[in-house]
Amino acid sequence: MTEESFVKVVRMSEYQNEPSGDTEQFRAFARGGEAESTAGGPNIALILVGLAAVVIVIAVVAYLAI
């Protein structure tokens, strides 16, 4: 008793997306200019406050569960 199984092979896309970006973006990076995306980056103070709030909430829930 033999079972045959068939597998459909899908052709890869012809489109090649270069993840490093284009030449101008690389040149700006190499010159040491600050990237535009970092200007609106997350505020580290808000992240720390949020993390502290999560830890406090977990501690209160754990205390009440005892």
PDB file of N, CA and C in Angstrom:
ATOM      1  N   MET A   1       0.841  -1.177   0.000  1.00  0.00           N
ATOM      2  CA  MET A   1       0.000   0.000   0.000  1.00  0.00           C
ATOM      3  C   MET A   1       0.888   1.242   0.000  1.00  0.00           C
ATOM      4  N   THR A   2       0.919   1.939  -1.084  1.00  0.00           N
ATOM      5  CA  THR A   2       1.737   3.138  -1.198  1.00  0.00           C
ATOM      6  C   THR A   2       0.844   4.345  -1.415  1.00  0.00           C
ATOM      7  N   GLU A   3       1.213   5.396  -0.739  1.00  0.00           N
ATOM      8  CA  GLU A   3       0.472   6.648  -0.896  1.00  0.00           C
ATOM      9  C   GLU A   3       1.361   7.632  -1.623  1.00  0.00           C
ATOM     10  N   GLU A   4       0.803   8.271  -2.587  1.00  0.00           N
ATOM     11  CA  GLU A   4       1.548   9.294  -3.305  1.00  0.00           C
ATOM     12  C   GLU A   4       1.086  10.660  -2.800  1.00  0.00           C
ATOM     13  N   SER A   5       2.038  11.518  -2.562  1.00  0.00           N
ATOM     14  CA  SER A   5       1.679  12.874  -2.153  1.00  0.00           C
ATOM     15  C   SER A   5       2.300  13.856  -3.144  1.00  0.00           C
ATOM     16  N   PHE A   6       1.583  14.888  -3.404  1.00  0.00           N
ATOM     17  CA  PHE A   6       2.031  15.889  -4.355  1.00  0.00           C
ATOM     18  C   PHE A   6       2.229  17.210  -3.632  1.00  0.00           C
ATOM     19  N   VAL A   7       3.278  17.897  -3.988  1.00  0.00           N
ATOM     20  CA  VAL A   7       3.581  19.187  -3.397  1.00  0.00           C
ATOM     21  C   VAL A   7       3.651  20.213  -4.511  1.00  0.00           C
ATOM     22  N   LYS A   8       2.941  21.290  -4.346  1.00  0.00           N
ATOM     23  CA  LYS A   8       2.981  22.359  -5.338  1.00  0.00           C
ATOM     24  C   LYS A   8       4.094  23.325  -4.946  1.00  0.00           C
ATOM     25  N   VAL A   9       5.005  23.564  -5.857  1.00  0.00           N
ATOM     26  CA  VAL A   9       6.111  24.482  -5.614  1.00  0.00           C
ATOM     27  C   VAL A   9       5.729  25.836  -6.189  1.00  0.00           C
ATOM     28  N   VAL A  10       5.744  26.851  -5.326  1.00  0.00           N
ATOM     29  CA  VAL A  10       5.366  28.196  -5.738  1.00  0.00           C
ATOM     30  C   VAL A  10       6.616  28.944  -6.174  1.00  0.00           C
ATOM     31  N   ARG A  11       6.528  29.603  -7.282  1.00  0.00           N
ATOM     32  CA  ARG A  11       7.663  30.356  -7.818  1.00  0.00           C
ATOM     33  C   ARG A  11       7.924  31.585  -6.966  1.00  0.00           C
ATOM     34  N   MET A  12       9.199  31.893  -6.749  1.00  0.00           N
ATOM     35  CA  MET A  12       9.572  33.065  -5.960  1.00  0.00           C
ATOM     36  C   MET A  12       9.297  34.343  -6.742  1.00  0.00           C
ATOM     37  N   SER A  13       9.100  35.401  -6.011  1.00  0.00           N
ATOM     38  CA  SER A  13       8.796  36.691  -6.610  1.00  0.00           C
ATOM     39  C   SER A  13      10.012  37.247  -7.344  1.00  0.00           C
ATOM     40  N   GLU A  14       9.758  37.938  -8.431  1.00  0.00           N
ATOM     41  CA  GLU A  14      10.833  38.578  -9.187  1.00  0.00           C
ATOM     42  C   GLU A  14      11.286  39.875  -8.510  1.00  0.00           C
ATOM     43  N   TYR A  15      10.409  40.462  -7.709  1.00  0.00           N
ATOM     44  CA  TYR A  15      10.702  41.740  -7.069  1.00  0.00           C
ATOM     45  C   TYR A  15      11.709  41.541  -5.947  1.00  0.00           C
ATOM     46  N   GLN A  16      12.782  42.299  -5.991  1.00  0.00           N
ATOM     47  CA  GLN A  16      13.800  42.201  -4.946  1.00  0.00           C
ATOM     48  C   GLN A  16      13.820  43.503  -4.167  1.00  0.00           C
ATOM     49  N   ASN A  17      13.421  43.432  -2.921  1.00  0.00           N
ATOM     50  CA  ASN A  17      13.408  44.600  -2.058  1.00  0.00           C
ATOM     51  C   ASN A  17      14.691  44.609  -1.240  1.00  0.00           C
ATOM     52  N   GLU A  18      15.498  45.631  -1.447  1.00  0.00           N
ATOM     53  CA  GLU A  18      16.754  45.726  -0.712  1.00  0.00           C
ATOM     54  C   GLU A  18      16.467  46.305   0.665  1.00  0.00           C
ATOM     55  N   PRO A  19      16.666  45.542   1.741  1.00  0.00           N
ATOM     56  CA  PRO A  19      16.304  46.020   3.068  1.00  0.00           C
ATOM     57  C   PRO A  19      17.197  47.154   3.564  1.00  0.00           C
ATOM     58  N   SER A  20      18.335  47.362   2.948  1.00  0.00           N
ATOM     59  CA  SER A  20      19.228  48.417   3.425  1.00  0.00           C
ATOM     60  C   SER A  20      18.840  49.789   2.903  1.00  0.00           C
ATOM     61  N   GLY A  21      17.848  49.888   2.060  1.00  0.00           N
ATOM     62  CA  GLY A  21      17.420  51.187   1.561  1.00  0.00           C
ATOM     63  C   GLY A  21      18.180  51.576   0.311  1.00  0.00           C
ATOM     64  N   ASP A  22      18.034  52.816  -0.071  1.00  0.00           N
ATOM     65  CA  ASP A  22      18.703  53.251  -1.290  1.00  0.00           C
ATOM     66  C   ASP A  22      20.053  53.907  -0.990  1.00  0.00           C
ATOM     67  N   THR A  23      20.743  54.306  -2.019  1.00  0.00           N
ATOM     68  CA  THR A  23      22.095  54.840  -1.892  1.00  0.00           C
ATOM     69  C   THR A  23      22.124  56.138  -1.096  1.00  0.00           C
ATOM     70  N   GLU A  24      21.149  57.006  -1.300  1.00  0.00           N
ATOM     71  CA  GLU A  24      21.131  58.282  -0.581  1.00  0.00           C
ATOM     72  C   GLU A  24      20.947  58.077   0.921  1.00  0.00           C
ATOM     73  N   GLN A  25      20.120  57.129   1.299  1.00  0.00           N
ATOM     74  CA  GLN A  25      19.948  56.845   2.723  1.00  0.00           C
ATOM     75  C   GLN A  25      21.239  56.314   3.326  1.00  0.00           C
ATOM     76  N   PHE A  26      21.949  55.473   2.586  1.00  0.00           N
ATOM     77  CA  PHE A  26      23.211  54.950   3.085  1.00  0.00           C
ATOM     78  C   PHE A  26      24.247  56.059   3.208  1.00  0.00           C
ATOM     79  N   ARG A  27      24.307  56.939   2.225  1.00  0.00           N
ATOM     80  CA  ARG A  27      25.279  58.042   2.287  1.00  0.00           C
ATOM     81  C   ARG A  27      24.994  58.944   3.480  1.00  0.00           C
ATOM     82  N   ALA A  28      23.729  59.228   3.747  1.00  0.00           N
ATOM     83  CA  ALA A  28      23.382  60.049   4.910  1.00  0.00           C
ATOM     84  C   ALA A  28      23.803  59.357   6.199  1.00  0.00           C
ATOM     85  N   PHE A  29      23.624  58.041   6.252  1.00  0.00           N
ATOM     86  CA  PHE A  29      24.045  57.283   7.428  1.00  0.00           C
ATOM     87  C   PHE A  29      25.565  57.312   7.578  1.00  0.00           C
ATOM     88  N   ALA A  30      26.273  57.132   6.462  1.00  0.00           N
ATOM     89  CA  ALA A  30      27.735  57.098   6.506  1.00  0.00           C
ATOM     90  C   ALA A  30      28.321  58.448   6.892  1.00  0.00           C
ATOM     91  N   ARG A  31      27.666  59.530   6.510  1.00  0.00           N
ATOM     92  CA  ARG A  31      28.143  60.871   6.883  1.00  0.00           C
ATOM     93  C   ARG A  31      27.950  61.139   8.364  1.00  0.00           C
ATOM     94  N   GLY A  32      27.122  60.343   9.015  1.00  0.00           N
ATOM     95  CA  GLY A  32      26.922  60.516  10.453  1.00  0.00           C
ATOM     96  C   GLY A  32      25.767  61.432  10.771  1.00  0.00           C
ATOM     97  N   GLY A  33      24.988  61.808   9.773  1.00  0.00           N
ATOM     98  CA  GLY A  33      23.829  62.650  10.027  1.00  0.00           C
ATOM     99  C   GLY A  33      22.782  61.876  10.790  1.00  0.00           C
ATOM    100  N   GLU A  34      22.074  62.556  11.659  1.00  0.00           N
ATOM    101  CA  GLU A  34      21.043  61.888  12.446  1.00  0.00           C
ATOM    102  C   GLU A  34      19.862  61.560  11.554  1.00  0.00           C
ATOM    103  N   ALA A  35      19.387  60.358  11.651  1.00  0.00           N
ATOM    104  CA  ALA A  35      18.278  59.915  10.818  1.00  0.00           C
ATOM    105  C   ALA A  35      16.994  60.600  11.259  1.00  0.00           C
ATOM    106  N   GLU A  36      16.096  60.793  10.314  1.00  0.00           N
ATOM    107  CA  GLU A  36      14.838  61.451  10.616  1.00  0.00           C
ATOM    108  C   GLU A  36      13.966  60.598  11.535  1.00  0.00           C
ATOM    109  N   SER A  37      14.085  59.291  11.429  1.00  0.00           N
ATOM    110  CA  SER A  37      13.222  58.418  12.221  1.00  0.00           C
ATOM    111  C   SER A  37      13.566  58.465  13.707  1.00  0.00           C
ATOM    112  N   THR A  38      14.791  58.821  14.082  1.00  0.00           N
ATOM    113  CA  THR A  38      15.146  58.870  15.496  1.00  0.00           C
ATOM    114  C   THR A  38      14.666  60.149  16.156  1.00  0.00           C
ATOM    115  N   ALA A  39      14.337  61.171  15.376  1.00  0.00           N
ATOM    116  CA  ALA A  39      13.884  62.439  15.947  1.00  0.00           C
ATOM    117  C   ALA A  39      12.569  62.255  16.689  1.00  0.00           C
ATOM    118  N   GLY A  40      11.699  61.412  16.201  1.00  0.00           N
ATOM    119  CA  GLY A  40      10.410  61.188  16.837  1.00  0.00           C
ATOM    120  C   GLY A  40      10.370  59.876  17.586  1.00  0.00           C
ATOM    121  N   GLY A  41      11.501  59.451  18.084  1.00  0.00           N
ATOM    122  CA  GLY A  41      11.591  58.170  18.770  1.00  0.00           C
ATOM    123  C   GLY A  41      10.872  58.186  20.102  1.00  0.00           C
ATOM    124  N   PRO A  42      10.756  57.034  20.718  1.00  0.00           N
ATOM    125  CA  PRO A  42      10.035  56.939  21.990  1.00  0.00           C
ATOM    126  C   PRO A  42      10.783  57.651  23.117  1.00  0.00           C
ATOM    127  N   ASN A  43      10.026  58.226  24.016  1.00  0.00           N
ATOM    128  CA  ASN A  43      10.601  58.919  25.163  1.00  0.00           C
ATOM    129  C   ASN A  43      10.924  57.863  26.222  1.00  0.00           C
ATOM    130  N   ILE A  44      12.188  57.754  26.593  1.00  0.00           N
ATOM    131  CA  ILE A  44      12.626  56.709  27.521  1.00  0.00           C
ATOM    132  C   ILE A  44      12.001  56.893  28.898  1.00  0.00           C
ATOM    133  N   ALA A  45      11.730  58.133  29.292  1.00  0.00           N
ATOM    134  CA  ALA A  45      11.105  58.379  30.596  1.00  0.00           C
ATOM    135  C   ALA A  45       9.690  57.803  30.629  1.00  0.00           C
ATOM    136  N   LEU A  46       8.944  57.966  29.542  1.00  0.00           N
ATOM    137  CA  LEU A  46       7.585  57.427  29.494  1.00  0.00           C
ATOM    138  C   LEU A  46       7.597  55.904  29.515  1.00  0.00           C
ATOM    139  N   ILE A  47       8.577  55.318  28.870  1.00  0.00           N
ATOM    140  CA  ILE A  47       8.684  53.862  28.879  1.00  0.00           C
ATOM    141  C   ILE A  47       8.974  53.361  30.289  1.00  0.00           C
ATOM    142  N   LEU A  48       9.863  54.031  30.994  1.00  0.00           N
ATOM    143  CA  LEU A  48      10.194  53.618  32.361  1.00  0.00           C
ATOM    144  C   LEU A  48       9.014  53.795  33.302  1.00  0.00           C
ATOM    145  N   VAL A  49       8.271  54.884  33.153  1.00  0.00           N
ATOM    146  CA  VAL A  49       7.095  55.108  33.993  1.00  0.00           C
ATOM    147  C   VAL A  49       6.047  54.036  33.714  1.00  0.00           C
ATOM    148  N   GLY A  50       5.838  53.705  32.445  1.00  0.00           N
ATOM    149  CA  GLY A  50       4.885  52.662  32.097  1.00  0.00           C
ATOM    150  C   GLY A  50       5.296  51.310  32.646  1.00  0.00           C
ATOM    151  N   LEU A  51       6.577  51.007  32.547  1.00  0.00           N
ATOM    152  CA  LEU A  51       7.082  49.744  33.082  1.00  0.00           C
ATOM    153  C   LEU A  51       6.911  49.676  34.595  1.00  0.00           C
ATOM    154  N   ALA A  52       7.188  50.782  35.285  1.00  0.00           N
ATOM    155  CA  ALA A  52       7.009  50.820  36.740  1.00  0.00           C
ATOM    156  C   ALA A  52       5.538  50.635  37.099  1.00  0.00           C
ATOM    157  N   ALA A  53       4.645  51.235  36.338  1.00  0.00           N
ATOM    158  CA  ALA A  53       3.215  51.093  36.598  1.00  0.00           C
ATOM    159  C   ALA A  53       2.775  49.637  36.426  1.00  0.00           C
ATOM    160  N   VAL A  54       3.284  48.972  35.405  1.00  0.00           N
ATOM    161  CA  VAL A  54       2.936  47.566  35.186  1.00  0.00           C
ATOM    162  C   VAL A  54       3.435  46.711  36.336  1.00  0.00           C
ATOM    163  N   VAL A  55       4.650  46.966  36.801  1.00  0.00           N
ATOM    164  CA  VAL A  55       5.203  46.190  37.916  1.00  0.00           C
ATOM    165  C   VAL A  55       4.374  46.420  39.177  1.00  0.00           C
ATOM    166  N   ILE A  56       3.943  47.649  39.430  1.00  0.00           N
ATOM    167  CA  ILE A  56       3.135  47.946  40.617  1.00  0.00           C
ATOM    168  C   ILE A  56       1.782  47.241  40.531  1.00  0.00           C
ATOM    169  N   VAL A  57       1.156  47.283  39.367  1.00  0.00           N
ATOM    170  CA  VAL A  57      -0.142  46.631  39.206  1.00  0.00           C
ATOM    171  C   VAL A  57      -0.003  45.122  39.426  1.00  0.00           C
ATOM    172  N   ILE A  58       1.034  44.521  38.885  1.00  0.00           N
ATOM    173  CA  ILE A  58       1.246  43.080  39.075  1.00  0.00           C
ATOM    174  C   ILE A  58       1.491  42.768  40.546  1.00  0.00           C
ATOM    175  N   ALA A  59       2.244  43.621  41.244  1.00  0.00           N
ATOM    176  CA  ALA A  59       2.515  43.398  42.664  1.00  0.00           C
ATOM    177  C   ALA A  59       1.226  43.506  43.489  1.00  0.00           C
ATOM    178  N   VAL A  60       0.379  44.474  43.167  1.00  0.00           N
ATOM    179  CA  VAL A  60      -0.879  44.636  43.903  1.00  0.00           C
ATOM    180  C   VAL A  60      -1.793  43.435  43.659  1.00  0.00           C
ATOM    181  N   VAL A  61      -1.888  42.984  42.417  1.00  0.00           N
ATOM    182  CA  VAL A  61      -2.730  41.824  42.105  1.00  0.00           C
ATOM    183  C   VAL A  61      -2.198  40.584  42.815  1.00  0.00           C
ATOM    184  N   ALA A  62      -0.886  40.413  42.843  1.00  0.00           N
ATOM    185  CA  ALA A  62      -0.298  39.258  43.522  1.00  0.00           C
ATOM    186  C   ALA A  62      -0.556  39.328  45.028  1.00  0.00           C
ATOM    187  N   TYR A  63      -0.488  40.529  45.607  1.00  0.00           N
ATOM    188  CA  TYR A  63      -0.722  40.700  47.039  1.00  0.00           C
ATOM    189  C   TYR A  63      -2.169  40.395  47.381  1.00  0.00           C
ATOM    190  N   LEU A  64      -3.088  40.850  46.546  1.00  0.00           N
ATOM    191  CA  LEU A  64      -4.508  40.613  46.793  1.00  0.00           C
ATOM    192  C   LEU A  64      -4.891  39.158  46.577  1.00  0.00           C
ATOM    193  N   ALA A  65      -4.130  38.453  45.762  1.00  0.00           N
ATOM    194  CA  ALA A  65      -4.435  37.051  45.492  1.00  0.00           C
ATOM    195  C   ALA A  65      -4.010  36.140  46.630  1.00  0.00           C
ATOM    196  N   ILE A  66      -3.155  36.635  47.495  1.00  0.00           N
ATOM    197  CA  ILE A  66      -2.644  35.809  48.617  1.00  0.00           C
ATOM    198  C   ILE A  66      -3.692  35.605  49.672  1.00  0.00           C
TER     199      ILE A  66
END
